[in-house]
C-alpha atoms as a PDB file:
ATOM      1  CA  MET A   1      53.953  11.758 -17.601  1.00  0.00           C
ATOM      2  CA  LYS A   2      51.101  12.527 -20.009  1.00  0.00           C
ATOM      3  CA  VAL A   3      48.782  10.267 -17.997  1.00  0.00           C
ATOM      4  CA  ILE A   4      49.595  12.077 -14.759  1.00  0.00           C
ATOM      5  CA  ARG A   5      49.084  15.481 -16.361  1.00  0.00           C
ATOM      6  CA  MET A   6      45.788  14.345 -17.871  1.00  0.00           C
ATOM      7  CA  THR A   7      44.644  12.888 -14.522  1.00  0.00           C
ATOM      8  CA  VAL A   8      45.492  16.124 -12.703  1.00  0.00           C
ATOM      9  CA  TRP A   9      43.663  18.127 -15.388  1.00  0.00           C
ATOM     10  CA  VAL A  10      40.553  15.926 -15.161  1.00  0.00           C
ATOM     11  CA  LEU A  11      40.539  16.143 -11.348  1.00  0.00           C
ATOM     12  CA  LEU A  12      40.962  19.906 -11.473  1.00  0.00           C
ATOM     13  CA  VAL A  13      38.094  20.369 -13.922  1.00  0.00           C
ATOM     14  CA  ALA A  14      35.879  17.954 -11.976  1.00  0.00           C
ATOM     15  CA  SER A  15      36.549  19.761  -8.698  1.00  0.00           C
ATOM     16  CA  LEU A  16      35.815  23.146 -10.280  1.00  0.00           C
ATOM     17  CA  LEU A  17      32.567  21.851 -11.746  1.00  0.00           C
ATOM     18  CA  GLY A  18      31.655  20.340  -8.393  1.00  0.00           C
ATOM     19  CA  PHE A  19      32.351  23.655  -6.674  1.00  0.00           C
ATOM     20  CA  ALA A  20      30.291  25.558  -9.240  1.00  0.00           C
ATOM     21  CA  GLY A  21      27.451  23.071  -8.869  1.00  0.00           C
ATOM     22  CA  GLY A  22      27.550  23.445  -5.089  1.00  0.00           C
ATOM     23  CA  TYR A  23      27.569  27.217  -5.443  1.00  0.00           C
ATOM     24  CA  THR A  24      24.515  27.052  -7.692  1.00  0.00           C
ATOM     25  CA  ILE A  25      22.693  24.999  -5.080  1.00  0.00           C
ATOM     26  CA  LEU A  26      23.621  27.484  -2.348  1.00  0.00           C
ATOM     27  CA  ALA A  27      22.636  30.467  -4.498  1.00  0.00           C
ATOM     28  CA  ALA A  28      19.311  28.843  -5.314  1.00  0.00           C
ATOM     29  CA  ASN A  29      18.423  28.460  -1.615  1.00  0.00           C
ATOM     30  CA  LYS A  30      16.706  31.784  -1.086  1.00  0.00           C
ATOM     31  CA  GLY A  31      14.614  30.826   1.915  1.00  0.00           C
ATOM     32  CA  ALA A  32      11.298  29.083   2.396  1.00  0.00           C
ATOM     33  CA  PRO A  33       8.577  29.668  -0.207  1.00  0.00           C
ATOM     34  CA  GLU A  34       6.059  30.396   2.571  1.00  0.00           C
ATOM     35  CA  MET A  35       6.915  31.987   5.917  1.00  0.00           C
ATOM     36  CA  THR A  36       5.103  33.142   9.027  1.00  0.00           C
ATOM     37  CA  LEU A  37       6.394  36.411  10.441  1.00  0.00           C
ATOM     38  CA  ASN A  38       5.987  37.562  14.019  1.00  0.00           C
ATOM     39  CA  GLY A  39       3.183  40.110  13.993  1.00  0.00           C
ATOM     40  CA  GLY A  40       3.362  40.991  17.672  1.00  0.00           C
ATOM     41  CA  LYS A  41       0.103  41.473  19.575  1.00  0.00           C
ATOM     42  CA  SER A  42      -1.840  41.626  16.305  1.00  0.00           C
ATOM     43  CA  GLY A  43      -1.005  38.008  15.489  1.00  0.00           C
ATOM     44  CA  PRO A  44       1.269  36.194  13.057  1.00  0.00           C
ATOM     45  CA  VAL A  45       1.607  37.263   9.443  1.00  0.00           C
ATOM     46  CA  PRO A  46       1.608  34.608   6.716  1.00  0.00           C
ATOM     47  CA  PHE A  47       4.150  35.733   4.121  1.00  0.00           C
ATOM     48  CA  PRO A  48       4.264  34.376   0.548  1.00  0.00           C
ATOM     49  CA  HIS A  49       8.045  34.648   0.132  1.00  0.00           C
ATOM     50  CA  LEU A  50       8.224  32.883  -3.239  1.00  0.00           C
ATOM     51  CA  VAL A  51       5.624  35.249  -4.726  1.00  0.00           C
ATOM     52  CA  HIS A  52       7.832  38.191  -3.762  1.00  0.00           C
ATOM     53  CA  GLN A  53      10.973  36.489  -5.094  1.00  0.00           C
ATOM     54  CA  THR A  54       9.224  35.891  -8.404  1.00  0.00           C
ATOM     55  CA  LYS A  55       7.997  39.491  -8.640  1.00  0.00           C
ATOM     56  CA  PHE A  56      11.290  41.108  -7.584  1.00  0.00           C
ATOM     57  CA  GLU A  57      14.456  39.396  -8.762  1.00  0.00           C
ATOM     58  CA  ASP A  58      16.620  41.677  -6.598  1.00  0.00           C
ATOM     59  CA  CYS A  59      16.369  40.495  -2.988  1.00  0.00           C
ATOM     60  CA  ASN A  60      17.403  43.959  -1.783  1.00  0.00           C
ATOM     61  CA  THR A  61      14.056  45.299  -2.978  1.00  0.00           C
ATOM     62  CA  CYS A  62      12.668  43.902   0.282  1.00  0.00           C
ATOM     63  CA  HIS A  63      15.843  43.188   2.248  1.00  0.00           C
ATOM     64  CA  GLU A  64      17.117  46.769   2.205  1.00  0.00           C
ATOM     65  CA  LEU A  65      16.274  47.195   5.911  1.00  0.00           C
ATOM     66  CA  PHE A  66      17.172  43.728   7.207  1.00  0.00           C
ATOM     67  CA  PRO A  67      19.486  40.831   6.287  1.00  0.00           C
ATOM     68  CA  GLN A  68      18.345  37.587   4.700  1.00  0.00           C
ATOM     69  CA  GLU A  69      18.435  35.573   7.925  1.00  0.00           C
ATOM     70  CA  PRO A  70      15.677  33.859   9.887  1.00  0.00           C
ATOM     71  CA  GLY A  71      14.623  36.047  12.825  1.00  0.00           C
ATOM     72  CA  ALA A  72      16.488  39.114  11.521  1.00  0.00           C
ATOM     73  CA  ILE A  73      13.513  41.480  11.828  1.00  0.00           C
ATOM     74  CA  ASP A  74      12.784  40.463  15.426  1.00  0.00           C
ATOM     75  CA  ALA A  75      16.471  40.684  16.366  1.00  0.00           C
ATOM     76  CA  LEU A  76      16.824  44.184  14.884  1.00  0.00           C
ATOM     77  CA  LYS A  77      13.662  45.348  16.649  1.00  0.00           C
ATOM     78  CA  ALA A  78      14.937  43.949  19.957  1.00  0.00           C
ATOM     79  CA  SER A  79      18.257  45.768  19.534  1.00  0.00           C
ATOM     80  CA  GLY A  80      16.492  49.020  18.637  1.00  0.00           C
ATOM     81  CA  GLU A  81      17.908  49.118  15.097  1.00  0.00           C
ATOM     82  CA  LEU A  82      14.402  48.806  13.621  1.00  0.00           C
ATOM     83  CA  LYS A  83      11.278  50.522  14.904  1.00  0.00           C
ATOM     84  CA  LYS A  84       8.214  48.447  15.712  1.00  0.00           C
ATOM     85  CA  LYS A  85       6.334  48.850  12.390  1.00  0.00           C
ATOM     86  CA  GLN A  86       9.218  50.076  10.249  1.00  0.00           C
ATOM     87  CA  VAL A  87       9.393  47.117   7.874  1.00  0.00           C
ATOM     88  CA  MET A  88       5.642  46.886   7.448  1.00  0.00           C
ATOM     89  CA  ASN A  89       5.113  50.621   6.892  1.00  0.00           C
ATOM     90  CA  LYS A  90       8.243  51.448   4.888  1.00  0.00           C
ATOM     91  CA  GLN A  91       8.439  48.255   2.866  1.00  0.00           C
ATOM     92  CA  CYS A  92       5.296  46.127   2.655  1.00  0.00           C
ATOM     93  CA  THR A  93       2.354  48.510   2.867  1.00  0.00           C
ATOM     94  CA  LYS A  94       4.132  51.315   1.002  1.00  0.00           C
ATOM     95  CA  CYS A  95       5.002  49.007  -1.895  1.00  0.00           C
ATOM     96  CA  HIS A  96       1.536  47.440  -2.040  1.00  0.00           C
ATOM     97  CA  LYS A  97      -0.164  50.862  -2.020  1.00  0.00           C
ATOM     98  CA  GLN A  98       2.126  52.133  -4.785  1.00  0.00           C
ATOM     99  CA  MET A  99       1.400  49.073  -6.919  1.00  0.00           C
ATOM    100  CA  LYS A 100      -2.345  49.485  -6.332  1.00  0.00           C
ATOM    101  CA  LYS A 101      -2.105  53.164  -7.316  1.00  0.00           C
ATOM    102  CA  GLU A 102      -0.381  52.092 -10.557  1.00  0.00           C
ATOM    103  CA  GLY A 103      -3.218  49.644 -11.272  1.00  0.00           C
ATOM    104  CA  GLN A 104      -1.088  46.553 -10.664  1.00  0.00           C
ATOM    105  CA  LYS A 105      -2.229  43.423  -8.881  1.00  0.00           C
ATOM    106  CA  THR A 106      -0.854  43.643  -5.363  1.00  0.00           C
ATOM    107  CA  GLY A 107      -0.987  42.295  -1.862  1.00  0.00           C
ATOM    108  CA  PRO A 108      -2.861  43.644   1.157  1.00  0.00           C
ATOM    109  CA  THR A 109      -2.746  47.339   2.023  1.00  0.00           C
ATOM    110  CA  THR A 110      -4.258  47.237   5.525  1.00  0.00           C
ATOM    111  CA  CYS A 111      -2.956  45.747   8.775  1.00  0.00           C
ATOM    112  CA  LYS A 112      -5.880  43.447   9.526  1.00  0.00           C
ATOM    113  CA  THR A 113      -5.666  41.826   6.117  1.00  0.00           C
ATOM    114  CA  CYS A 114      -2.274  40.285   6.956  1.00  0.00           C
ATOM    115  CA  HIS A 115      -2.288  39.851  10.720  1.00  0.00           C
ATOM    116  CA  ALA A 116      -4.188  36.730  11.775  1.00  0.00           C
ATOM    117  CA  LYS A 117      -5.079  37.447  15.397  1.00  0.00           C
ATOM    118  CA  ASN A 118      -5.150  34.312  17.534  1.00  0.00           C
ATOM    119  CA  GLY A 119      -8.649  33.802  18.797  1.00  0.00           C
END
């Protein structure tokens, strides 16, 4: 009986550790380190996702307006839930300009710096 109880205990602990390990792997997958966002007629926007994750530990700093899903910004624009330049103006540029004003190293503050128009 002791052997059975010990076996059940070991299996239970092993399964819990396996679950926790799997959860850690899922939690660590926060998207690609580099992304290219749809920039409309102005061209695609290369986006250093990992740089932003490193700077801001809280994903909601950037993801307040849209979920953490591929294509979410385009889908919300298509449905009318986001305006055309809402993310760029209310999130990206606003944050970069505020950081620049505070004397911090920051990303681009103008449209043409990010958008790489296809020639």
